[in-house]
Every structure is written in C-alpha cells, then in structure tokens.
Amino acid sequence: MNGWLGGGQIGYNFQFDRNWLLGFEADIQGTGQKGTVPVTTFAVGSGSLTQELPWFGTVRARLGVAPFERSVLYATGGLAFARIKSTAMATTPGPPAATAVGTANDTSVGWTIGVGTEWWL
C-alpha cells in the first residue's frame, strides 16, 4: 500500500504512589493508503483487487513505572479498529467482452498491545 497518513492522539495520565502511572489514550488516523494487485489469466481474462484504508484508530489503557527521574516504562493495550474498502474487477475477453465490479466496505475490530518508554527533556 502507498499513500499519506496523518492523525491525532489524546490521553490522560495519573501518577500515584510516586513511581506509578495509570493512563488512558485514544488515537485516530486518516489515510490515503491504497494498493492494487493485478490478476491475469488467459482462459478467463484479467482483473484486479484494490484495497483502501481510509482510517484506523485505537483506544487503550496504560500502566507504567518511573524507575528514574524524568523517565517512564509502560505497557499499553486495548481496542483497535479500522475501515477497509475492497474493490474487485474482472474483465472477460470477447466478443462480447464483459466487465464486473464488486465493492465491499468493512469496519474491522481487534486488539493492540505494546510496551514503550518515555523521557522528559
């Protein structure tokens, strides 16, 4: 897939017991990501499959520890979701030639987990 990507993030962290952090984060990205795979067969004709990713995002919880001043180690996890658009096209050789196009739009839901670190500058 090729294309642009941009988005934003919002969240809140609460520090407790001096070295612990509990937080909530959400993000959403809009994209111009698109990819096409051509398909050619001599007996049937030709066609293609195109997929687009218009947007995706996550909603996550975060738990961290501050082992040193100005640093945090954390684990995060939660819900992930994305919109996927698929278009299939097939053309048969003629005469007469014929073309068929089918489109499917789907919002997929899954999960995400990760670990990371942050330093205050």
Protein backbone atom coordinates (compact mmCIF):
# COMPACT_ATOMS: atom_id res chain seq x y z
CA MET A 1 0.00 0.00 0.00
CA ASN A 2 1.11 3.54 -0.70
CA GLY A 3 -0.27 6.90 0.40
CA TRP A 4 -0.30 9.53 3.11
CA LEU A 5 -1.09 9.16 6.82
CA GLY A 6 -2.00 11.73 9.49
CA GLY A 7 -3.85 11.79 12.78
CA GLY A 8 -4.03 12.79 16.40
CA GLN A 9 -3.90 11.41 19.92
CA ILE A 10 -5.48 12.39 23.22
CA GLY A 11 -4.99 10.95 26.66
CA TYR A 12 -4.66 11.46 30.38
CA ASN A 13 -2.12 10.03 32.83
CA PHE A 14 -2.47 9.89 36.60
CA GLN A 15 0.66 9.40 38.71
CA PHE A 16 0.16 7.63 42.04
CA ASP A 17 2.38 6.21 44.77
CA ARG A 18 5.28 8.38 43.47
CA ASN A 19 6.56 5.95 40.83
CA TRP A 20 3.43 4.51 39.20
CA LEU A 21 1.36 5.81 36.29
CA LEU A 22 -2.13 4.85 35.12
CA GLY A 23 -3.47 6.33 31.91
CA PHE A 24 -6.00 6.27 29.10
CA GLU A 25 -5.23 7.10 25.45
CA ALA A 26 -7.16 7.25 22.17
CA ASP A 27 -5.94 7.98 18.67
CA ILE A 28 -7.41 8.26 15.18
CA GLN A 29 -5.62 8.39 11.84
CA GLY A 30 -6.92 9.31 8.41
CA THR A 31 -5.05 7.80 5.47
CA GLY A 32 -4.80 7.77 1.73
CA GLN A 33 -3.32 4.24 1.84
CA LYS A 34 -4.25 2.22 -1.26
CA GLY A 35 -2.89 -0.86 -3.02
CA THR A 36 -3.83 -2.76 -6.19
CA VAL A 37 -2.90 -6.27 -7.30
CA PRO A 38 -3.48 -7.11 -10.98
CA VAL A 39 -4.69 -10.60 -11.92
CA THR A 40 -4.35 -12.02 -15.44
CA THR A 41 -5.39 -15.44 -16.70
CA PHE A 42 -5.52 -16.41 -20.37
CA ALA A 43 -8.62 -18.59 -20.03
CA VAL A 44 -10.79 -16.17 -18.07
CA GLY A 45 -9.42 -12.70 -18.76
CA SER A 46 -7.97 -10.11 -16.44
CA GLY A 47 -8.88 -8.24 -13.29
CA SER A 48 -7.62 -6.55 -10.17
CA LEU A 49 -8.15 -6.29 -6.44
CA THR A 50 -7.82 -2.86 -4.82
CA GLN A 51 -7.86 -2.23 -1.07
CA GLU A 52 -8.03 1.11 0.71
CA LEU A 53 -7.55 2.04 4.38
CA PRO A 54 -9.47 5.34 4.88
CA TRP A 55 -8.97 5.46 8.68
CA PHE A 56 -7.93 3.49 11.75
CA GLY A 57 -7.55 4.09 15.48
CA THR A 58 -7.12 2.66 18.97
CA VAL A 59 -8.49 3.13 22.49
CA ARG A 60 -6.00 1.92 25.13
CA ALA A 61 -5.21 1.76 28.84
CA ARG A 62 -1.65 2.36 30.01
CA LEU A 63 0.23 1.24 33.13
CA GLY A 64 3.74 2.50 33.78
CA VAL A 65 6.51 2.79 36.31
CA ALA A 66 9.01 5.63 36.72
CA PRO A 67 12.28 3.87 37.62
CA PHE A 68 14.30 7.10 37.34
CA GLU A 69 13.50 10.79 37.47
CA ARG A 70 12.10 12.04 34.14
CA SER A 71 11.51 8.57 32.65
CA VAL A 72 8.63 6.08 32.38
CA LEU A 73 8.50 2.45 31.26
CA TYR A 74 4.97 1.38 30.31
CA ALA A 75 2.72 -1.32 28.88
CA THR A 76 -0.40 -0.43 26.91
CA GLY A 77 -3.30 -2.36 25.40
CA GLY A 78 -6.86 -2.10 24.22
CA LEU A 79 -9.20 -1.93 21.24
CA ALA A 80 -8.08 -1.36 17.63
CA PHE A 81 -10.42 -0.60 14.72
CA ALA A 82 -10.12 0.20 11.01
CA ARG A 83 -12.24 0.83 7.92
CA ILE A 84 -11.22 -1.31 4.92
CA LYS A 85 -12.63 -0.82 1.41
CA SER A 86 -12.12 -3.60 -1.16
CA THR A 87 -12.93 -3.45 -4.87
CA ALA A 88 -12.61 -6.42 -7.25
CA MET A 89 -12.84 -6.05 -11.02
CA ALA A 90 -12.87 -8.80 -13.66
CA THR A 91 -12.92 -8.47 -17.45
CA THR A 92 -13.59 -11.39 -19.81
CA PRO A 93 -12.33 -11.40 -23.37
CA GLY A 94 -14.90 -11.02 -26.11
CA PRO A 95 -16.67 -10.99 -28.21
CA PRO A 96 -18.60 -9.69 -26.44
CA ALA A 97 -16.27 -8.51 -23.66
CA ALA A 98 -17.78 -8.12 -20.21
CA THR A 99 -16.63 -6.35 -17.02
CA ALA A 100 -17.90 -6.96 -13.48
CA VAL A 101 -17.08 -4.86 -10.41
CA GLY A 102 -17.80 -5.67 -6.77
CA THR A 103 -17.16 -3.49 -3.72
CA ALA A 104 -17.15 -4.34 -0.02
CA ASN A 105 -16.75 -1.95 2.94
CA ASP A 106 -15.86 -3.39 6.32
CA THR A 107 -15.05 -1.99 9.75
CA SER A 108 -12.67 -4.44 11.38
CA VAL A 109 -12.22 -4.59 15.16
CA GLY A 110 -9.35 -6.23 17.01
CA TRP A 111 -6.88 -5.59 19.80
CA THR A 112 -3.50 -3.98 20.28
CA ILE A 113 -0.77 -4.30 22.91
CA GLY A 114 2.64 -2.75 23.28
CA VAL A 115 5.42 -1.59 25.54
CA GLY A 116 7.43 1.61 25.47
CA THR A 117 9.46 4.20 27.26
CA GLU A 118 9.31 7.98 27.55
CA TRP A 119 11.81 10.56 28.75
CA TRP A 120 11.07 14.13 29.76
CA LEU A 121 13.52 16.59 28.17
